[in-house]
Amino acid sequence: NDVTFLLHFVTYWGLIGYYGKPEKKGYKEACYASVKNQIFILYPSLWVLFKMYPFVKDNVLESLCLVPFHILMVDVWFYLSHRLAHTKWLWKYHKMHHTYPIHIATALDGGFLEHFFVNQLSVVMGPLLIAYMGYTMNVYVFIWWVTFTTWNNCLAHLENSVHHHHHHTYLKCNY
């Protein structure tokens, strides 16, 4: 739990430090919202997950072979939940993420509910589904998975990410 959070935190803030542009509009606000989400939503969620999920320390190769499934689950869950977040019923919870122009600091800057249901559940949906099917993920592969998805999310929010920039500009495309 603590190692997973620490690697996520170091990866996220390391990339913010390297690619971030503090002069960008909304940079400080996005950083503040991100750290709140990490401390008040991510850390407690990881604590609960590590208490409830039956992680194992063997089956590394089998767990690595399931990474494509996890990638598919991230895409499916994120697309569906993000698309729902753009509906008139849920927009009020998501619009904070669209308040400022896209930059790396906006990677985790949504509200608490959005951060949990859209961002976090996207990452753990694959491991939860395989546990439901009777398979348990290797704890070290899971730690790598969280770190990898953190890195991927940050890079998707770089200013040169044309697809994500279009989403933030036009709101109804590239979910």
C-alpha atoms as a PDB file:
ATOM      1  CA  ASN A   1       0.000   0.000   0.000  1.00  0.00           C
ATOM      2  CA  ASP A   2       2.585   2.576   1.061  1.00  0.00           C
ATOM      3  CA  VAL A   3       5.047   1.521  -1.652  1.00  0.00           C
ATOM      4  CA  THR A   4       2.327   1.734  -4.312  1.00  0.00           C
ATOM      5  CA  PHE A   5       1.277   5.188  -3.152  1.00  0.00           C
ATOM      6  CA  LEU A   6       4.866   6.376  -2.863  1.00  0.00           C
ATOM      7  CA  LEU A   7       5.769   5.226  -6.392  1.00  0.00           C
ATOM      8  CA  HIS A   8       2.611   6.824  -7.782  1.00  0.00           C
ATOM      9  CA  PHE A   9       3.317  10.052  -5.884  1.00  0.00           C
ATOM     10  CA  VAL A  10       6.988  10.238  -6.920  1.00  0.00           C
ATOM     11  CA  THR A  11       6.158   9.399 -10.546  1.00  0.00           C
ATOM     12  CA  TYR A  12       3.372  11.991 -10.705  1.00  0.00           C
ATOM     13  CA  TRP A  13       5.233  14.843  -9.041  1.00  0.00           C
ATOM     14  CA  GLY A  14       8.506  13.948 -10.771  1.00  0.00           C
ATOM     15  CA  LEU A  15       6.789  14.327 -14.147  1.00  0.00           C
ATOM     16  CA  ILE A  16       5.070  17.523 -12.983  1.00  0.00           C
ATOM     17  CA  GLY A  17       8.447  18.878 -11.912  1.00  0.00           C
ATOM     18  CA  TYR A  18      10.075  17.934 -15.207  1.00  0.00           C
ATOM     19  CA  TYR A  19       7.318  18.900 -17.663  1.00  0.00           C
ATOM     20  CA  GLY A  20       5.270  21.343 -15.607  1.00  0.00           C
ATOM     21  CA  LYS A  21       5.055  25.003 -16.434  1.00  0.00           C
ATOM     22  CA  PRO A  22       4.148  26.948 -13.296  1.00  0.00           C
ATOM     23  CA  GLU A  23       3.400  30.038 -15.373  1.00  0.00           C
ATOM     24  CA  LYS A  24       0.438  28.274 -17.054  1.00  0.00           C
ATOM     25  CA  LYS A  25      -3.029  29.449 -16.109  1.00  0.00           C
ATOM     26  CA  GLY A  26      -4.471  27.188 -13.413  1.00  0.00           C
ATOM     27  CA  TYR A  27      -1.187  25.415 -12.646  1.00  0.00           C
ATOM     28  CA  LYS A  28      -1.263  26.049  -8.886  1.00  0.00           C
ATOM     29  CA  GLU A  29      -4.972  25.233  -8.625  1.00  0.00           C
ATOM     30  CA  ALA A  30      -4.491  21.987 -10.546  1.00  0.00           C
ATOM     31  CA  CYS A  31      -1.553  21.000  -8.335  1.00  0.00           C
ATOM     32  CA  TYR A  32      -3.569  21.730  -5.202  1.00  0.00           C
ATOM     33  CA  ALA A  33      -6.553  19.663  -6.433  1.00  0.00           C
ATOM     34  CA  SER A  34      -4.223  16.824  -7.466  1.00  0.00           C
ATOM     35  CA  VAL A  35      -2.504  16.570  -4.098  1.00  0.00           C
ATOM     36  CA  LYS A  36      -5.903  16.647  -2.339  1.00  0.00           C
ATOM     37  CA  ASN A  37      -7.082  13.765  -4.536  1.00  0.00           C
ATOM     38  CA  GLN A  38      -3.922  11.812  -3.836  1.00  0.00           C
ATOM     39  CA  ILE A  39      -4.068  12.254  -0.064  1.00  0.00           C
ATOM     40  CA  PHE A  40      -7.818  12.105   0.602  1.00  0.00           C
ATOM     41  CA  ILE A  41      -8.987   9.695  -2.121  1.00  0.00           C
ATOM     42  CA  LEU A  42      -6.107   7.641  -3.534  1.00  0.00           C
ATOM     43  CA  TYR A  43      -4.257   6.806  -0.324  1.00  0.00           C
ATOM     44  CA  PRO A  44      -7.354   5.632   1.620  1.00  0.00           C
ATOM     45  CA  SER A  45      -8.597   3.719  -1.447  1.00  0.00           C
ATOM     46  CA  LEU A  46      -5.284   1.905  -1.766  1.00  0.00           C
ATOM     47  CA  TRP A  47      -5.391   1.084   1.936  1.00  0.00           C
ATOM     48  CA  VAL A  48      -8.845  -0.501   1.539  1.00  0.00           C
ATOM     49  CA  LEU A  49      -7.817  -2.315  -1.643  1.00  0.00           C
ATOM     50  CA  PHE A  50      -4.735  -3.814  -0.002  1.00  0.00           C
ATOM     51  CA  LYS A  51      -6.867  -4.977   2.960  1.00  0.00           C
ATOM     52  CA  MET A  52      -9.540  -6.558   0.751  1.00  0.00           C
ATOM     53  CA  TYR A  53      -7.779  -7.759  -2.419  1.00  0.00           C
ATOM     54  CA  PRO A  54      -6.026 -11.134  -2.195  1.00  0.00           C
ATOM     55  CA  PHE A  55      -2.690 -10.088  -3.745  1.00  0.00           C
ATOM     56  CA  VAL A  56      -0.051 -12.815  -4.064  1.00  0.00           C
ATOM     57  CA  LYS A  57       3.726 -12.772  -4.475  1.00  0.00           C
ATOM     58  CA  ASP A  58       3.998 -15.547  -7.048  1.00  0.00           C
ATOM     59  CA  ASN A  59       2.519 -15.776 -10.592  1.00  0.00           C
ATOM     60  CA  VAL A  60       4.501 -12.794 -11.908  1.00  0.00           C
ATOM     61  CA  LEU A  61       4.521 -14.072 -15.479  1.00  0.00           C
ATOM     62  CA  GLU A  62       0.796 -14.840 -15.495  1.00  0.00           C
ATOM     63  CA  SER A  63       0.047 -11.386 -14.086  1.00  0.00           C
ATOM     64  CA  LEU A  64       2.218  -9.739 -16.728  1.00  0.00           C
ATOM     65  CA  CYS A  65       0.392 -11.703 -19.433  1.00  0.00           C
ATOM     66  CA  LEU A  66      -2.861 -10.095 -18.240  1.00  0.00           C
ATOM     67  CA  VAL A  67      -1.581  -6.537 -18.739  1.00  0.00           C
ATOM     68  CA  PRO A  68      -3.260  -6.275 -22.183  1.00  0.00           C
ATOM     69  CA  PHE A  69      -6.558  -7.154 -20.468  1.00  0.00           C
ATOM     70  CA  HIS A  70      -5.945  -4.411 -17.889  1.00  0.00           C
ATOM     71  CA  ILE A  71      -5.185  -1.920 -20.656  1.00  0.00           C
ATOM     72  CA  LEU A  72      -8.457  -2.853 -22.357  1.00  0.00           C
ATOM     73  CA  MET A  73     -10.357  -2.449 -19.071  1.00  0.00           C
ATOM     74  CA  VAL A  74      -8.807   0.988 -18.473  1.00  0.00           C
ATOM     75  CA  ASP A  75      -9.898   2.076 -21.932  1.00  0.00           C
ATOM     76  CA  VAL A  76     -13.428   0.711 -21.572  1.00  0.00           C
ATOM     77  CA  TRP A  77     -14.043   1.981 -18.026  1.00  0.00           C
ATOM     78  CA  PHE A  78     -12.431   5.377 -18.615  1.00  0.00           C
ATOM     79  CA  TYR A  79     -14.288   5.920 -21.891  1.00  0.00           C
ATOM     80  CA  LEU A  80     -17.682   5.015 -20.423  1.00  0.00           C
ATOM     81  CA  SER A  81     -17.263   6.870 -17.133  1.00  0.00           C
ATOM     82  CA  HIS A  82     -15.685   9.897 -18.792  1.00  0.00           C
ATOM     83  CA  ARG A  83     -18.428  10.014 -21.399  1.00  0.00           C
ATOM     84  CA  LEU A  84     -21.002   9.891 -18.571  1.00  0.00           C
ATOM     85  CA  ALA A  85     -19.131  12.703 -16.813  1.00  0.00           C
ATOM     86  CA  HIS A  86     -19.884  14.891 -19.839  1.00  0.00           C
ATOM     87  CA  THR A  87     -23.658  14.422 -19.530  1.00  0.00           C
ATOM     88  CA  LYS A  88     -25.829  17.182 -18.113  1.00  0.00           C
ATOM     89  CA  TRP A  89     -26.407  15.105 -14.961  1.00  0.00           C
ATOM     90  CA  LEU A  90     -22.732  14.623 -14.074  1.00  0.00           C
ATOM     91  CA  TRP A  91     -21.028  17.588 -15.735  1.00  0.00           C
ATOM     92  CA  LYS A  92     -21.006  19.566 -12.470  1.00  0.00           C
ATOM     93  CA  TYR A  93     -18.618  16.952 -11.035  1.00  0.00           C
ATOM     94  CA  HIS A  94     -16.324  16.950 -14.069  1.00  0.00           C
ATOM     95  CA  LYS A  95     -16.244  20.564 -15.248  1.00  0.00           C
ATOM     96  CA  MET A  96     -13.482  21.447 -12.787  1.00  0.00           C
ATOM     97  CA  HIS A  97     -11.118  19.311 -14.887  1.00  0.00           C
ATOM     98  CA  HIS A  98     -11.935  21.487 -17.907  1.00  0.00           C
ATOM     99  CA  THR A  99     -11.568  24.830 -16.131  1.00  0.00           C
ATOM    100  CA  TYR A 100      -8.016  25.509 -17.289  1.00  0.00           C
ATOM    101  CA  PRO A 101      -6.112  24.855 -20.518  1.00  0.00           C
ATOM    102  CA  ILE A 102      -4.571  21.409 -20.703  1.00  0.00           C
ATOM    103  CA  HIS A 103      -1.163  20.967 -19.114  1.00  0.00           C
ATOM    104  CA  ILE A 104       0.432  18.139 -17.190  1.00  0.00           C
ATOM    105  CA  ALA A 105      -0.752  19.421 -13.813  1.00  0.00           C
ATOM    106  CA  THR A 106      -4.375  18.853 -14.902  1.00  0.00           C
ATOM    107  CA  ALA A 107      -3.864  15.067 -15.014  1.00  0.00           C
ATOM    108  CA  LEU A 108      -5.502  14.482 -11.605  1.00  0.00           C
ATOM    109  CA  ASP A 109      -7.217  17.787 -10.911  1.00  0.00           C
ATOM    110  CA  GLY A 110     -10.878  16.717 -10.882  1.00  0.00           C
ATOM    111  CA  GLY A 111     -13.178  16.612  -7.888  1.00  0.00           C
ATOM    112  CA  PHE A 112     -13.169  13.784  -5.356  1.00  0.00           C
ATOM    113  CA  LEU A 113     -16.028  11.818  -6.935  1.00  0.00           C
ATOM    114  CA  GLU A 114     -14.595  12.107 -10.416  1.00  0.00           C
ATOM    115  CA  HIS A 115     -11.140  11.121  -9.224  1.00  0.00           C
ATOM    116  CA  PHE A 116     -12.471   7.978  -7.588  1.00  0.00           C
ATOM    117  CA  PHE A 117     -15.042   6.814 -10.146  1.00  0.00           C
ATOM    118  CA  VAL A 118     -13.293   7.866 -13.354  1.00  0.00           C
ATOM    119  CA  ASN A 119      -9.555   7.846 -12.643  1.00  0.00           C
ATOM    120  CA  GLN A 120      -9.026   5.293  -9.893  1.00  0.00           C
ATOM    121  CA  LEU A 121     -11.618   2.729 -10.907  1.00  0.00           C
ATOM    122  CA  SER A 122     -10.190   2.800 -14.436  1.00  0.00           C
ATOM    123  CA  VAL A 123      -6.870   1.566 -13.063  1.00  0.00           C
ATOM    124  CA  VAL A 124      -8.242  -1.128 -10.746  1.00  0.00           C
ATOM    125  CA  MET A 125     -11.168  -2.399 -12.837  1.00  0.00           C
ATOM    126  CA  GLY A 126      -9.020  -5.040 -14.560  1.00  0.00           C
ATOM    127  CA  PRO A 127      -7.543  -6.416 -11.319  1.00  0.00           C
ATOM    128  CA  LEU A 128     -11.005  -6.395  -9.696  1.00  0.00           C
ATOM    129  CA  LEU A 129     -12.553  -8.293 -12.598  1.00  0.00           C
ATOM    130  CA  ILE A 130      -9.847 -10.946 -12.664  1.00  0.00           C
ATOM    131  CA  ALA A 131     -10.264 -11.409  -8.894  1.00  0.00           C
ATOM    132  CA  TYR A 132     -13.997 -11.871  -9.452  1.00  0.00           C
ATOM    133  CA  MET A 133     -13.130 -14.575 -11.991  1.00  0.00           C
ATOM    134  CA  GLY A 134     -10.961 -16.342  -9.393  1.00  0.00           C
ATOM    135  CA  TYR A 135      -7.534 -15.090 -10.433  1.00  0.00           C
ATOM    136  CA  THR A 136      -5.320 -13.027  -8.141  1.00  0.00           C
ATOM    137  CA  MET A 137      -2.859 -10.443  -9.355  1.00  0.00           C
ATOM    138  CA  ASN A 138       0.767 -10.387  -8.271  1.00  0.00           C
ATOM    139  CA  VAL A 139       1.361  -7.492  -5.881  1.00  0.00           C
ATOM    140  CA  TYR A 140       4.585  -6.368  -7.616  1.00  0.00           C
ATOM    141  CA  VAL A 141       2.909  -6.355 -11.022  1.00  0.00           C
ATOM    142  CA  PHE A 142       0.090  -4.298  -9.496  1.00  0.00           C
ATOM    143  CA  ILE A 143       2.579  -1.765  -8.099  1.00  0.00           C
ATOM    144  CA  TRP A 144       4.189  -1.547 -11.547  1.00  0.00           C
ATOM    145  CA  TRP A 145       0.713  -1.207 -13.123  1.00  0.00           C
ATOM    146  CA  VAL A 146      -0.220   1.762 -10.923  1.00  0.00           C
ATOM    147  CA  THR A 147       3.119   3.437 -11.666  1.00  0.00           C
ATOM    148  CA  PHE A 148       2.758   2.805 -15.408  1.00  0.00           C
ATOM    149  CA  THR A 149      -0.803   4.196 -15.535  1.00  0.00           C
ATOM    150  CA  THR A 150       0.294   7.266 -13.571  1.00  0.00           C
ATOM    151  CA  TRP A 151       3.071   7.897 -16.085  1.00  0.00           C
ATOM    152  CA  ASN A 152       0.685   7.339 -19.002  1.00  0.00           C
ATOM    153  CA  ASN A 153      -1.942   9.710 -17.579  1.00  0.00           C
ATOM    154  CA  CYS A 154       0.624  12.462 -17.074  1.00  0.00           C
ATOM    155  CA  LEU A 155       1.992  12.123 -20.605  1.00  0.00           C
ATOM    156  CA  ALA A 156      -1.557  12.225 -21.998  1.00  0.00           C
ATOM    157  CA  HIS A 157      -1.915  15.665 -20.420  1.00  0.00           C
ATOM    158  CA  LEU A 158       1.176  17.197 -21.964  1.00  0.00           C
ATOM    159  CA  GLU A 159       0.445  20.255 -24.056  1.00  0.00           C
ATOM    160  CA  ASN A 160       1.576  18.514 -27.237  1.00  0.00           C
ATOM    161  CA  SER A 161      -1.079  15.785 -26.789  1.00  0.00           C
ATOM    162  CA  VAL A 162      -3.252  16.780 -29.750  1.00  0.00           C
ATOM    163  CA  HIS A 163      -6.084  14.319 -29.042  1.00  0.00           C
ATOM    164  CA  HIS A 164      -6.463  15.355 -25.438  1.00  0.00           C
ATOM    165  CA  HIS A 165      -6.105  19.023 -26.364  1.00  0.00           C
ATOM    166  CA  HIS A 166      -9.027  18.619 -28.788  1.00  0.00           C
ATOM    167  CA  HIS A 167     -11.076  17.018 -26.029  1.00  0.00           C
ATOM    168  CA  HIS A 168     -10.442  19.943 -23.700  1.00  0.00           C
ATOM    169  CA  THR A 169     -11.149  22.439 -26.466  1.00  0.00           C
ATOM    170  CA  TYR A 170     -14.318  20.946 -27.983  1.00  0.00           C
ATOM    171  CA  LEU A 171     -15.579  18.792 -25.036  1.00  0.00           C
ATOM    172  CA  LYS A 172     -17.521  16.322 -27.217  1.00  0.00           C
ATOM    173  CA  CYS A 173     -14.726  14.252 -28.745  1.00  0.00           C
ATOM    174  CA  ASN A 174     -11.711  12.090 -27.830  1.00  0.00           C
ATOM    175  CA  TYR A 175     -13.022  10.758 -24.549  1.00  0.00           C
END
